[in-house]
Amino acid sequence: KKHNLTKAMLTGKTEQQYPEQKPAQGGHWLAFVFALAVACGAVYVASGEWQAKPAPAPAAAPAW
């Protein structure tokens, strides 16, 4: 079965062979909010901001 896909590649739409086939629909806005929250959480964890700050280094005494 060879289909001419040039039009589909340029427009992003193709003719469906079966009427029950539907084009893909975008996700729900809640899915976007959830993905955004997960991404923000990943950035926060990767930044290391949640870890306690290290103790300051002791003042070095002169080595006489």
C-alpha atoms as a PDB file:
ATOM      1  CA  LYS A   1       0.000   0.000   0.000  1.00  0.00           C
ATOM      2  CA  LYS A   2       1.640   3.181  -1.086  1.00  0.00           C
ATOM      3  CA  HIS A   3       0.140   6.428   0.118  1.00  0.00           C
ATOM      4  CA  ASN A   4       1.160   9.842  -1.074  1.00  0.00           C
ATOM      5  CA  LEU A   5       2.186  11.491   2.193  1.00  0.00           C
ATOM      6  CA  THR A   6       3.545  14.737   0.786  1.00  0.00           C
ATOM      7  CA  LYS A   7       0.353  16.665   1.548  1.00  0.00           C
ATOM      8  CA  ALA A   8       0.154  15.133   5.026  1.00  0.00           C
ATOM      9  CA  MET A   9       3.748  16.094   5.804  1.00  0.00           C
ATOM     10  CA  LEU A  10       3.195  19.684   4.699  1.00  0.00           C
ATOM     11  CA  THR A  11      -0.207  20.283   6.288  1.00  0.00           C
ATOM     12  CA  GLY A  12      -0.070  17.896   9.250  1.00  0.00           C
ATOM     13  CA  LYS A  13      -3.408  16.361   8.270  1.00  0.00           C
ATOM     14  CA  THR A  14      -4.289  13.294   6.274  1.00  0.00           C
ATOM     15  CA  GLU A  15      -7.457  11.704   5.018  1.00  0.00           C
ATOM     16  CA  GLN A  16      -8.581   8.879   7.277  1.00  0.00           C
ATOM     17  CA  GLN A  17      -9.464   5.519   5.781  1.00  0.00           C
ATOM     18  CA  TYR A  18     -11.984   4.716   8.489  1.00  0.00           C
ATOM     19  CA  PRO A  19     -14.519   7.189   9.902  1.00  0.00           C
ATOM     20  CA  GLU A  20     -13.829   6.118  13.507  1.00  0.00           C
ATOM     21  CA  GLN A  21     -10.219   7.274  13.217  1.00  0.00           C
ATOM     22  CA  LYS A  22      -9.816  10.731  14.688  1.00  0.00           C
ATOM     23  CA  PRO A  23      -6.829  13.065  14.714  1.00  0.00           C
ATOM     24  CA  ALA A  24      -4.876  13.360  17.949  1.00  0.00           C
ATOM     25  CA  GLN A  25      -6.236  15.853  20.443  1.00  0.00           C
ATOM     26  CA  GLY A  26      -4.232  17.988  22.823  1.00  0.00           C
ATOM     27  CA  GLY A  27      -4.033  17.072  26.489  1.00  0.00           C
ATOM     28  CA  HIS A  28      -6.074  18.519  29.293  1.00  0.00           C
ATOM     29  CA  TRP A  29      -4.853  21.741  30.937  1.00  0.00           C
ATOM     30  CA  LEU A  30      -4.458  19.823  34.184  1.00  0.00           C
ATOM     31  CA  ALA A  31      -1.866  17.585  32.510  1.00  0.00           C
ATOM     32  CA  PHE A  32       0.127  20.700  31.607  1.00  0.00           C
ATOM     33  CA  VAL A  33      -0.033  21.989  35.193  1.00  0.00           C
ATOM     34  CA  PHE A  34       1.087  18.593  36.510  1.00  0.00           C
ATOM     35  CA  ALA A  35       3.988  18.401  34.037  1.00  0.00           C
ATOM     36  CA  LEU A  36       5.026  21.950  34.937  1.00  0.00           C
ATOM     37  CA  ALA A  37       4.993  21.097  38.661  1.00  0.00           C
ATOM     38  CA  VAL A  38       7.095  17.976  38.070  1.00  0.00           C
ATOM     39  CA  ALA A  39       9.577  19.980  35.984  1.00  0.00           C
ATOM     40  CA  CYS A  40       9.865  22.693  38.646  1.00  0.00           C
ATOM     41  CA  GLY A  41      10.379  20.022  41.310  1.00  0.00           C
ATOM     42  CA  ALA A  42      13.106  18.370  39.249  1.00  0.00           C
ATOM     43  CA  VAL A  43      14.916  21.686  38.791  1.00  0.00           C
ATOM     44  CA  TYR A  44      14.667  22.401  42.534  1.00  0.00           C
ATOM     45  CA  VAL A  45      16.068  18.987  43.470  1.00  0.00           C
ATOM     46  CA  ALA A  46      18.830  19.178  40.851  1.00  0.00           C
ATOM     47  CA  SER A  47      19.905  22.628  42.042  1.00  0.00           C
ATOM     48  CA  GLY A  48      20.752  21.298  45.526  1.00  0.00           C
ATOM     49  CA  GLU A  49      19.017  24.255  47.169  1.00  0.00           C
ATOM     50  CA  TRP A  50      17.144  21.865  49.473  1.00  0.00           C
ATOM     51  CA  GLN A  51      20.384  20.642  51.093  1.00  0.00           C
ATOM     52  CA  ALA A  52      21.750  22.236  54.236  1.00  0.00           C
ATOM     53  CA  LYS A  53      24.558  24.699  53.692  1.00  0.00           C
ATOM     54  CA  PRO A  54      27.998  23.386  54.715  1.00  0.00           C
ATOM     55  CA  ALA A  55      29.613  24.769  57.830  1.00  0.00           C
ATOM     56  CA  PRO A  56      32.110  27.545  57.176  1.00  0.00           C
ATOM     57  CA  ALA A  57      35.735  26.468  57.024  1.00  0.00           C
ATOM     58  CA  PRO A  58      37.674  27.167  60.199  1.00  0.00           C
ATOM     59  CA  ALA A  59      40.073  30.056  60.076  1.00  0.00           C
ATOM     60  CA  ALA A  60      43.486  28.743  59.197  1.00  0.00           C
ATOM     61  CA  ALA A  61      46.079  29.377  61.856  1.00  0.00           C
ATOM     62  CA  PRO A  62      49.472  30.461  60.600  1.00  0.00           C
ATOM     63  CA  ALA A  63      51.879  27.540  60.378  1.00  0.00           C
ATOM     64  CA  TRP A  64      54.933  28.941  62.254  1.00  0.00           C
END
